[in-house]
Structure formats: structure tokens, C-alpha cells
Amino acid sequence: MNVTDRTGRPPLSPQEGWISDGRQVLHFQPLRYDRWSQALEVTLGELIPGEATPLLKRRKEPTREQAMKLWAHKRRAGWRACPPQWIPPQPPRA
């Protein structure tokens, strides 16, 4: 998730992003985004040695602002952006 663009401001629409500390992985994925409702889905997975995919542990739906604060906090704590660690399920079509 690119929290800021080249001007230093957050992007206008949320973007998918992956971040890891080497043991755990957070996946940020846009869920709802319109003028009145801006939410992302954040999924926490734990990397297991010898396994192809992480163990998915938790999922929550923070607001855009909460997700950006979480991303920034984890980056300050030493987490790094990483490539996708699993294939996220597709949202149901209405």
C-alpha cells in the first residue's frame, strides 16, 4: 500500500498493499470506497516455516484513516513492503 504519493499526500483512492516483519504479514485491500464510506479490509497472516502460504489469523475492516495509521505505525516499527503472500478471495458479486 503506497501511503503517500510523490507529493507526500495519501492517494485519493486506497490501494492494495502488503507489509511484513518477517514473521507476520498484513494485507491491505480496498473494500468499500465512495464519497461517504471508505473502508479497507486488513488481513493478518503468520508465516509458518516450510508452508507455502501463511496461516490467516485475523481480518478487520478499518476506515481509510485507521488503515493509514496502522500502515505508518508498522513501517516505523520496522515492517517492510513485501510481495503478495497469498491469493486473496474475491468479494461476492451482488
PDB file of N, CA and C in Angstrom:
ATOM      1  N   MET A   1       0.862  -1.173   0.000  1.00  0.00           N
ATOM      2  CA  MET A   1       0.000   0.000   0.000  1.00  0.00           C
ATOM      3  C   MET A   1       0.891   1.213   0.000  1.00  0.00           C
ATOM      4  N   ASN A   2       0.789   2.034  -0.991  1.00  0.00           N
ATOM      5  CA  ASN A   2       1.558   3.257  -1.049  1.00  0.00           C
ATOM      6  C   ASN A   2       0.797   4.308  -0.268  1.00  0.00           C
ATOM      7  N   VAL A   3       1.253   4.600   0.949  1.00  0.00           N
ATOM      8  CA  VAL A   3       0.518   5.503   1.817  1.00  0.00           C
ATOM      9  C   VAL A   3       0.600   6.944   1.325  1.00  0.00           C
ATOM     10  N   THR A   4       1.677   7.301   0.658  1.00  0.00           N
ATOM     11  CA  THR A   4       1.792   8.658   0.132  1.00  0.00           C
ATOM     12  C   THR A   4       2.211   8.620  -1.322  1.00  0.00           C
ATOM     13  N   ASP A   5       1.815   9.654  -2.050  1.00  0.00           N
ATOM     14  CA  ASP A   5       2.267   9.741  -3.436  1.00  0.00           C
ATOM     15  C   ASP A   5       3.526  10.611  -3.473  1.00  0.00           C
ATOM     16  N   ARG A   6       3.954  10.998  -4.651  1.00  0.00           N
ATOM     17  CA  ARG A   6       5.190  11.781  -4.772  1.00  0.00           C
ATOM     18  C   ARG A   6       5.098  13.143  -4.108  1.00  0.00           C
ATOM     19  N   THR A   7       3.893  13.649  -3.917  1.00  0.00           N
ATOM     20  CA  THR A   7       3.749  14.950  -3.270  1.00  0.00           C
ATOM     21  C   THR A   7       3.727  14.817  -1.757  1.00  0.00           C
ATOM     22  N   GLY A   8       3.744  13.587  -1.242  1.00  0.00           N
ATOM     23  CA  GLY A   8       3.713  13.377   0.192  1.00  0.00           C
ATOM     24  C   GLY A   8       2.307  13.234   0.747  1.00  0.00           C
ATOM     25  N   ARG A   9       1.300  13.340  -0.114  1.00  0.00           N
ATOM     26  CA  ARG A   9      -0.098  13.198   0.326  1.00  0.00           C
ATOM     27  C   ARG A   9      -0.578  11.778   0.088  1.00  0.00           C
ATOM     28  N   PRO A  10      -1.526  11.280   0.901  1.00  0.00           N
ATOM     29  CA  PRO A  10      -2.096   9.956   0.655  1.00  0.00           C
ATOM     30  C   PRO A  10      -2.827   9.929  -0.678  1.00  0.00           C
ATOM     31  N   PRO A  11      -2.860   8.773  -1.351  1.00  0.00           N
ATOM     32  CA  PRO A  11      -3.615   8.692  -2.608  1.00  0.00           C
ATOM     33  C   PRO A  11      -5.095   8.927  -2.352  1.00  0.00           C
ATOM     34  N   LEU A  12      -5.799   9.413  -3.361  1.00  0.00           N
ATOM     35  CA  LEU A  12      -7.218   9.695  -3.205  1.00  0.00           C
ATOM     36  C   LEU A  12      -8.036   8.425  -3.054  1.00  0.00           C
ATOM     37  N   SER A  13      -7.634   7.355  -3.698  1.00  0.00           N
ATOM     38  CA  SER A  13      -8.346   6.086  -3.536  1.00  0.00           C
ATOM     39  C   SER A  13      -7.380   5.085  -2.925  1.00  0.00           C
ATOM     40  N   PRO A  14      -7.865   4.214  -2.056  1.00  0.00           N
ATOM     41  CA  PRO A  14      -6.974   3.248  -1.410  1.00  0.00           C
ATOM     42  C   PRO A  14      -6.435   2.244  -2.412  1.00  0.00           C
ATOM     43  N   GLN A  15      -5.266   1.721  -2.088  1.00  0.00           N
ATOM     44  CA  GLN A  15      -4.625   0.748  -2.951  1.00  0.00           C
ATOM     45  C   GLN A  15      -4.311  -0.506  -2.151  1.00  0.00           C
ATOM     46  N   GLU A  16      -4.218  -1.631  -2.855  1.00  0.00           N
ATOM     47  CA  GLU A  16      -3.833  -2.875  -2.195  1.00  0.00           C
ATOM     48  C   GLU A  16      -2.373  -2.797  -1.802  1.00  0.00           C
ATOM     49  N   GLY A  17      -2.031  -3.385  -0.649  1.00  0.00           N
ATOM     50  CA  GLY A  17      -0.649  -3.385  -0.216  1.00  0.00           C
ATOM     51  C   GLY A  17      -0.357  -4.528   0.741  1.00  0.00           C
ATOM     52  N   TRP A  18       0.910  -4.911   0.796  1.00  0.00           N
ATOM     53  CA  TRP A  18       1.377  -5.997   1.655  1.00  0.00           C
ATOM     54  C   TRP A  18       2.554  -5.481   2.459  1.00  0.00           C
ATOM     55  N   ILE A  19       2.616  -5.858   3.732  1.00  0.00           N
ATOM     56  CA  ILE A  19       3.702  -5.426   4.605  1.00  0.00           C
ATOM     57  C   ILE A  19       4.012  -6.575   5.563  1.00  0.00           C
ATOM     58  N   SER A  20       5.306  -6.754   5.889  1.00  0.00           N
ATOM     59  CA  SER A  20       5.705  -7.887   6.716  1.00  0.00           C
ATOM     60  C   SER A  20       6.857  -7.519   7.626  1.00  0.00           C
ATOM     61  N   ASP A  21       6.921  -8.208   8.773  1.00  0.00           N
ATOM     62  CA  ASP A  21       8.067  -8.071   9.670  1.00  0.00           C
ATOM     63  C   ASP A  21       8.954  -9.311   9.612  1.00  0.00           C
ATOM     64  N   GLY A  22       8.695 -10.208   8.667  1.00  0.00           N
ATOM     65  CA  GLY A  22       9.453 -11.436   8.518  1.00  0.00           C
ATOM     66  C   GLY A  22       8.776 -12.626   9.194  1.00  0.00           C
ATOM     67  N   ARG A  23       7.866 -12.365  10.106  1.00  0.00           N
ATOM     68  CA  ARG A  23       7.127 -13.431  10.789  1.00  0.00           C
ATOM     69  C   ARG A  23       5.630 -13.310  10.542  1.00  0.00           C
ATOM     70  N   GLN A  24       5.155 -12.087  10.444  1.00  0.00           N
ATOM     71  CA  GLN A  24       3.741 -11.826  10.207  1.00  0.00           C
ATOM     72  C   GLN A  24       3.591 -10.974   8.951  1.00  0.00           C
ATOM     73  N   VAL A  25       2.413 -11.078   8.332  1.00  0.00           N
ATOM     74  CA  VAL A  25       2.119 -10.332   7.109  1.00  0.00           C
ATOM     75  C   VAL A  25       0.770  -9.646   7.277  1.00  0.00           C
ATOM     76  N   LEU A  26       0.689  -8.385   6.875  1.00  0.00           N
ATOM     77  CA  LEU A  26      -0.584  -7.665   6.819  1.00  0.00           C
ATOM     78  C   LEU A  26      -0.911  -7.396   5.362  1.00  0.00           C
ATOM     79  N   HIS A  27      -2.150  -7.701   4.977  1.00  0.00           N
ATOM     80  CA  HIS A  27      -2.622  -7.428   3.625  1.00  0.00           C
ATOM     81  C   HIS A  27      -3.709  -6.368   3.716  1.00  0.00           C
ATOM     82  N   PHE A  28      -3.503  -5.244   3.047  1.00  0.00           N
ATOM     83  CA  PHE A  28      -4.465  -4.151   2.993  1.00  0.00           C
ATOM     84  C   PHE A  28      -5.143  -4.219   1.637  1.00  0.00           C
ATOM     85  N   GLN A  29      -6.476  -4.290   1.631  1.00  0.00           N
ATOM     86  CA  GLN A  29      -7.220  -4.391   0.374  1.00  0.00           C
ATOM     87  C   GLN A  29      -8.434  -3.469   0.425  1.00  0.00           C
ATOM     88  N   PRO A  30      -8.622  -2.624  -0.596  1.00  0.00           N
ATOM     89  CA  PRO A  30      -9.819  -1.769  -0.635  1.00  0.00           C
ATOM     90  C   PRO A  30     -11.082  -2.626  -0.592  1.00  0.00           C
ATOM     91  N   LEU A  31     -12.020  -2.213   0.216  1.00  0.00           N
ATOM     92  CA  LEU A  31     -13.263  -2.969   0.359  1.00  0.00           C
ATOM     93  C   LEU A  31     -14.432  -2.146  -0.160  1.00  0.00           C
ATOM     94  N   ARG A  32     -14.634  -1.002   0.434  1.00  0.00           N
ATOM     95  CA  ARG A  32     -15.685  -0.075   0.002  1.00  0.00           C
ATOM     96  C   ARG A  32     -15.040   1.292  -0.124  1.00  0.00           C
ATOM     97  N   TYR A  33     -15.339   1.954  -1.207  1.00  0.00           N
ATOM     98  CA  TYR A  33     -14.784   3.288  -1.370  1.00  0.00           C
ATOM     99  C   TYR A  33     -15.748   4.134  -2.183  1.00  0.00           C
ATOM    100  N   ASP A  34     -16.420   5.029  -1.503  1.00  0.00           N
ATOM    101  CA  ASP A  34     -17.244   6.020  -2.173  1.00  0.00           C
ATOM    102  C   ASP A  34     -17.168   7.302  -1.349  1.00  0.00           C
ATOM    103  N   ARG A  35     -17.946   8.252  -1.700  1.00  0.00           N
ATOM    104  CA  ARG A  35     -17.869   9.547  -1.042  1.00  0.00           C
ATOM    105  C   ARG A  35     -18.158   9.471   0.462  1.00  0.00           C
ATOM    106  N   TRP A  36     -19.045   8.566   0.867  1.00  0.00           N
ATOM    107  CA  TRP A  36     -19.484   8.520   2.263  1.00  0.00           C
ATOM    108  C   TRP A  36     -18.866   7.391   3.068  1.00  0.00           C
ATOM    109  N   SER A  37     -18.381   6.366   2.400  1.00  0.00           N
ATOM    110  CA  SER A  37     -17.873   5.187   3.103  1.00  0.00           C
ATOM    111  C   SER A  37     -16.537   4.774   2.504  1.00  0.00           C
ATOM    112  N   GLN A  38     -15.492   4.841   3.311  1.00  0.00           N
ATOM    113  CA  GLN A  38     -14.163   4.474   2.846  1.00  0.00           C
ATOM    114  C   GLN A  38     -13.592   3.445   3.817  1.00  0.00           C
ATOM    115  N   ALA A  39     -13.572   2.186   3.423  1.00  0.00           N
ATOM    116  CA  ALA A  39     -13.089   1.123   4.304  1.00  0.00           C
ATOM    117  C   ALA A  39     -12.172   0.178   3.540  1.00  0.00           C
ATOM    118  N   LEU A  40     -11.229  -0.367   4.255  1.00  0.00           N
ATOM    119  CA  LEU A  40     -10.334  -1.375   3.712  1.00  0.00           C
ATOM    120  C   LEU A  40     -10.475  -2.638   4.542  1.00  0.00           C
ATOM    121  N   GLU A  41     -10.060  -3.741   3.975  1.00  0.00           N
ATOM    122  CA  GLU A  41     -10.005  -4.988   4.720  1.00  0.00           C
ATOM    123  C   GLU A  41      -8.528  -5.247   5.005  1.00  0.00           C
ATOM    124  N   VAL A  42      -8.206  -5.486   6.277  1.00  0.00           N
ATOM    125  CA  VAL A  42      -6.831  -5.779   6.670  1.00  0.00           C
ATOM    126  C   VAL A  42      -6.820  -7.205   7.214  1.00  0.00           C
ATOM    127  N   THR A  43      -6.003  -8.058   6.593  1.00  0.00           N
ATOM    128  CA  THR A  43      -5.900  -9.455   6.993  1.00  0.00           C
ATOM    129  C   THR A  43      -4.500  -9.700   7.531  1.00  0.00           C
ATOM    130  N   LEU A  44      -4.421 -10.335   8.702  1.00  0.00           N
ATOM    131  CA  LEU A  44      -3.152 -10.682   9.322  1.00  0.00           C
ATOM    132  C   LEU A  44      -2.885 -12.157   9.104  1.00  0.00           C
ATOM    133  N   GLY A  45      -1.710 -12.478   8.589  1.00  0.00           N
ATOM    134  CA  GLY A  45      -1.289 -13.861   8.405  1.00  0.00           C
ATOM    135  C   GLY A  45       0.047 -14.073   9.087  1.00  0.00           C
ATOM    136  N   GLU A  46       0.276 -15.279   9.564  1.00  0.00           N
ATOM    137  CA  GLU A  46       1.547 -15.610  10.207  1.00  0.00           C
ATOM    138  C   GLU A  46       2.300 -16.598   9.332  1.00  0.00           C
ATOM    139  N   LEU A  47       3.561 -16.256   9.023  1.00  0.00           N
ATOM    140  CA  LEU A  47       4.387 -17.120   8.189  1.00  0.00           C
ATOM    141  C   LEU A  47       4.796 -18.357   8.985  1.00  0.00           C
ATOM    142  N   ILE A  48       4.639 -19.525   8.378  1.00  0.00           N
ATOM    143  CA  ILE A  48       4.988 -20.786   9.020  1.00  0.00           C
ATOM    144  C   ILE A  48       6.113 -21.416   8.205  1.00  0.00           C
ATOM    145  N   PRO A  49       7.261 -21.710   8.852  1.00  0.00           N
ATOM    146  CA  PRO A  49       8.373 -22.309   8.112  1.00  0.00           C
ATOM    147  C   PRO A  49       7.946 -23.608   7.424  1.00  0.00           C
ATOM    148  N   GLY A  50       8.323 -23.745   6.161  1.00  0.00           N
ATOM    149  CA  GLY A  50       8.026 -24.948   5.410  1.00  0.00           C
ATOM    150  C   GLY A  50       6.657 -24.971   4.751  1.00  0.00           C
ATOM    151  N   GLU A  51       5.831 -23.970   5.007  1.00  0.00           N
ATOM    152  CA  GLU A  51       4.496 -23.902   4.411  1.00  0.00           C
ATOM    153  C   GLU A  51       4.494 -22.877   3.282  1.00  0.00           C
ATOM    154  N   ALA A  52       3.720 -23.149   2.252  1.00  0.00           N
ATOM    155  CA  ALA A  52       3.674 -22.259   1.079  1.00  0.00           C
ATOM    156  C   ALA A  52       2.912 -20.964   1.366  1.00  0.00           C
ATOM    157  N   THR A  53       1.869 -21.042   2.182  1.00  0.00           N
ATOM    158  CA  THR A  53       1.071 -19.851   2.471  1.00  0.00           C
ATOM    159  C   THR A  53       1.000 -19.622   3.971  1.00  0.00           C
ATOM    160  N   PRO A  54       0.870 -18.361   4.381  1.00  0.00           N
ATOM    161  CA  PRO A  54       0.761 -18.060   5.810  1.00  0.00           C
ATOM    162  C   PRO A  54      -0.569 -18.545   6.393  1.00  0.00           C
ATOM    163  N   LEU A  55      -0.566 -18.726   7.691  1.00  0.00           N
ATOM    164  CA  LEU A  55      -1.780 -19.047   8.426  1.00  0.00           C
ATOM    165  C   LEU A  55      -2.544 -17.749   8.641  1.00  0.00           C
ATOM    166  N   LEU A  56      -3.761 -17.650   8.092  1.00  0.00           N
ATOM    167  CA  LEU A  56      -4.547 -16.429   8.232  1.00  0.00           C
ATOM    168  C   LEU A  56      -5.156 -16.413   9.628  1.00  0.00           C
ATOM    169  N   LYS A  57      -4.894 -15.317  10.369  1.00  0.00           N
ATOM    170  CA  LYS A  57      -5.286 -15.273  11.764  1.00  0.00           C
ATOM    171  C   LYS A  57      -6.429 -14.314  12.065  1.00  0.00           C
ATOM    172  N   ARG A  58      -6.405 -13.143  11.459  1.00  0.00           N
ATOM    173  CA  ARG A  58      -7.399 -12.126  11.787  1.00  0.00           C
ATOM    174  C   ARG A  58      -7.744 -11.296  10.569  1.00  0.00           C
ATOM    175  N   ARG A  59      -8.973 -10.796  10.561  1.00  0.00           N
ATOM    176  CA  ARG A  59      -9.426  -9.900   9.497  1.00  0.00           C
ATOM    177  C   ARG A  59     -10.261  -8.806  10.134  1.00  0.00           C
ATOM    178  N   LYS A  60     -10.017  -7.558   9.727  1.00  0.00           N
ATOM    179  CA  LYS A  60     -10.831  -6.451  10.229  1.00  0.00           C
ATOM    180  C   LYS A  60     -11.055  -5.443   9.117  1.00  0.00           C
ATOM    181  N   GLU A  61     -12.022  -4.551   9.339  1.00  0.00           N
ATOM    182  CA  GLU A  61     -12.391  -3.547   8.347  1.00  0.00           C
ATOM    183  C   GLU A  61     -12.245  -2.144   8.935  1.00  0.00           C
ATOM    184  N   PRO A  62     -11.027  -1.634   8.980  1.00  0.00           N
ATOM    185  CA  PRO A  62     -10.849  -0.271   9.493  1.00  0.00           C
ATOM    186  C   PRO A  62     -11.235   0.770   8.447  1.00  0.00           C
ATOM    187  N   THR A  63     -11.445   1.979   8.899  1.00  0.00           N
ATOM    188  CA  THR A  63     -11.662   3.087   7.974  1.00  0.00           C
ATOM    189  C   THR A  63     -10.347   3.381   7.257  1.00  0.00           C
ATOM    190  N   ARG A  64     -10.420   4.176   6.242  1.00  0.00           N
ATOM    191  CA  ARG A  64      -9.215   4.543   5.490  1.00  0.00           C
ATOM    192  C   ARG A  64      -8.184   5.188   6.410  1.00  0.00           C
ATOM    193  N   GLU A  65      -8.623   6.083   7.271  1.00  0.00           N
ATOM    194  CA  GLU A  65      -7.703   6.775   8.172  1.00  0.00           C
ATOM    195  C   GLU A  65      -7.045   5.805   9.156  1.00  0.00           C
ATOM    196  N   GLN A  66      -7.835   4.875   9.705  1.00  0.00           N
ATOM    197  CA  GLN A  66      -7.285   3.889  10.628  1.00  0.00           C
ATOM    198  C   GLN A  66      -6.272   2.985   9.929  1.00  0.00           C
ATOM    199  N   ALA A  67      -6.577   2.587   8.690  1.00  0.00           N
ATOM    200  CA  ALA A  67      -5.662   1.727   7.932  1.00  0.00           C
ATOM    201  C   ALA A  67      -4.358   2.464   7.638  1.00  0.00           C
ATOM    202  N   MET A  68      -4.434   3.731   7.290  1.00  0.00           N
ATOM    203  CA  MET A  68      -3.226   4.506   7.016  1.00  0.00           C
ATOM    204  C   MET A  68      -2.381   4.666   8.279  1.00  0.00           C
ATOM    205  N   LYS A  69      -3.029   4.868   9.419  1.00  0.00           N
ATOM    206  CA  LYS A  69      -2.289   4.978  10.685  1.00  0.00           C
ATOM    207  C   LYS A  69      -1.610   3.654  11.024  1.00  0.00           C
ATOM    208  N   LEU A  70      -2.317   2.529  10.813  1.00  0.00           N
ATOM    209  CA  LEU A  70      -1.745   1.212  11.082  1.00  0.00           C
ATOM    210  C   LEU A  70      -0.534   0.973  10.189  1.00  0.00           C
ATOM    211  N   TRP A  71      -0.663   1.277   8.894  1.00  0.00           N
ATOM    212  CA  TRP A  71       0.452   1.102   7.950  1.00  0.00           C
ATOM    213  C   TRP A  71       1.654   1.927   8.397  1.00  0.00           C
ATOM    214  N   ALA A  72       1.440   3.194   8.725  1.00  0.00           N
ATOM    215  CA  ALA A  72       2.545   4.074   9.137  1.00  0.00           C
ATOM    216  C   ALA A  72       3.183   3.576  10.430  1.00  0.00           C
ATOM    217  N   HIS A  73       2.366   3.136  11.393  1.00  0.00           N
ATOM    218  CA  HIS A  73       2.879   2.625  12.664  1.00  0.00           C
ATOM    219  C   HIS A  73       3.763   1.394  12.431  1.00  0.00           C
ATOM    220  N   LYS A  74       3.301   0.474  11.592  1.00  0.00           N
ATOM    221  CA  LYS A  74       4.082  -0.732  11.312  1.00  0.00           C
ATOM    222  C   LYS A  74       5.377  -0.399  10.579  1.00  0.00           C
ATOM    223  N   ARG A  75       5.341   0.555   9.665  1.00  0.00           N
ATOM    224  CA  ARG A  75       6.572   0.956   8.955  1.00  0.00           C
ATOM    225  C   ARG A  75       7.594   1.535   9.935  1.00  0.00           C
ATOM    226  N   ARG A  76       7.115   2.352  10.871  1.00  0.00           N
ATOM    227  CA  ARG A  76       8.030   2.916  11.884  1.00  0.00           C
ATOM    228  C   ARG A  76       8.604   1.820  12.780  1.00  0.00           C
ATOM    229  N   ALA A  77       7.851   0.733  12.962  1.00  0.00           N
ATOM    230  CA  ALA A  77       8.298  -0.382  13.802  1.00  0.00           C
ATOM    231  C   ALA A  77       9.230  -1.339  13.045  1.00  0.00           C
ATOM    232  N   GLY A  78       9.516  -1.055  11.784  1.00  0.00           N
ATOM    233  CA  GLY A  78      10.467  -1.858  11.027  1.00  0.00           C
ATOM    234  C   GLY A  78       9.868  -2.805  10.005  1.00  0.00           C
ATOM    235  N   TRP A  79       8.555  -2.816   9.858  1.00  0.00           N
ATOM    236  CA  TRP A  79       7.917  -3.668   8.849  1.00  0.00           C
ATOM    237  C   TRP A  79       8.272  -3.127   7.465  1.00  0.00           C
ATOM    238  N   ARG A  80       8.366  -4.014   6.488  1.00  0.00           N
ATOM    239  CA  ARG A  80       8.722  -3.638   5.115  1.00  0.00           C
ATOM    240  C   ARG A  80       7.652  -4.112   4.140  1.00  0.00           C
ATOM    241  N   ALA A  81       7.493  -3.353   3.067  1.00  0.00           N
ATOM    242  CA  ALA A  81       6.583  -3.773   1.998  1.00  0.00           C
ATOM    243  C   ALA A  81       7.121  -5.079   1.421  1.00  0.00           C
ATOM    244  N   CYS A  82       6.214  -5.974   1.037  1.00  0.00           N
ATOM    245  CA  CYS A  82       6.614  -7.275   0.510  1.00  0.00           C
ATOM    246  C   CYS A  82       5.678  -7.662  -0.639  1.00  0.00           C
ATOM    247  N   PRO A  83       6.073  -8.676  -1.417  1.00  0.00           N
ATOM    248  CA  PRO A  83       5.189  -9.139  -2.490  1.00  0.00           C
ATOM    249  C   PRO A  83       3.993  -9.880  -1.900  1.00  0.00           C
ATOM    250  N   PRO A  84       2.941 -10.087  -2.676  1.00  0.00           N
ATOM    251  CA  PRO A  84       1.780 -10.830  -2.183  1.00  0.00           C
ATOM    252  C   PRO A  84       2.181 -12.203  -1.638  1.00  0.00           C
ATOM    253  N   GLN A  85       1.592 -12.577  -0.506  1.00  0.00           N
ATOM    254  CA  GLN A  85       1.937 -13.824   0.163  1.00  0.00           C
ATOM    255  C   GLN A  85       0.861 -14.906  -0.017  1.00  0.00           C
ATOM    256  N   TRP A  86      -0.330 -14.524  -0.468  1.00  0.00           N
ATOM    257  CA  TRP A  86      -1.400 -15.474  -0.763  1.00  0.00           C
ATOM    258  C   TRP A  86      -2.353 -14.810  -1.737  1.00  0.00           C
ATOM    259  N   ILE A  87      -3.207 -15.611  -2.335  1.00  0.00           N
ATOM    260  CA  ILE A  87      -4.197 -15.078  -3.265  1.00  0.00           C
ATOM    261  C   ILE A  87      -5.453 -14.751  -2.468  1.00  0.00           C
ATOM    262  N   PRO A  88      -5.785 -13.461  -2.340  1.00  0.00           N
ATOM    263  CA  PRO A  88      -6.977 -13.093  -1.556  1.00  0.00           C
ATOM    264  C   PRO A  88      -8.249 -13.560  -2.240  1.00  0.00           C
ATOM    265  N   PRO A  89      -9.255 -13.950  -1.449  1.00  0.00           N
ATOM    266  CA  PRO A  89     -10.541 -14.345  -2.047  1.00  0.00           C
ATOM    267  C   PRO A  89     -11.220 -13.150  -2.713  1.00  0.00           C
ATOM    268  N   GLN A  90     -11.925 -13.416  -3.783  1.00  0.00           N
ATOM    269  CA  GLN A  90     -12.645 -12.363  -4.480  1.00  0.00           C
ATOM    270  C   GLN A  90     -13.936 -12.039  -3.718  1.00  0.00           C
ATOM    271  N   PRO A  91     -14.279 -10.751  -3.611  1.00  0.00           N
ATOM    272  CA  PRO A  91     -15.515 -10.398  -2.928  1.00  0.00           C
ATOM    273  C   PRO A  91     -16.732 -10.916  -3.707  1.00  0.00           C
ATOM    274  N   PRO A  92     -17.800 -11.272  -2.999  1.00  0.00           N
ATOM    275  CA  PRO A  92     -19.000 -11.753  -3.702  1.00  0.00           C
ATOM    276  C   PRO A  92     -19.610 -10.650  -4.560  1.00  0.00           C
ATOM    277  N   ARG A  93     -20.112 -11.034  -5.693  1.00  0.00           N
ATOM    278  CA  ARG A  93     -20.741 -10.059  -6.597  1.00  0.00           C
ATOM    279  C   ARG A  93     -22.211  -9.964  -6.275  1.00  0.00           C
ATOM    280  N   ALA A  94     -22.692  -8.737  -6.230  1.00  0.00           N
ATOM    281  CA  ALA A  94     -24.124  -8.526  -5.909  1.00  0.00           C
ATOM    282  C   ALA A  94     -24.944  -8.409  -7.164  1.00  0.00           C
TER     283      ALA A  94
END
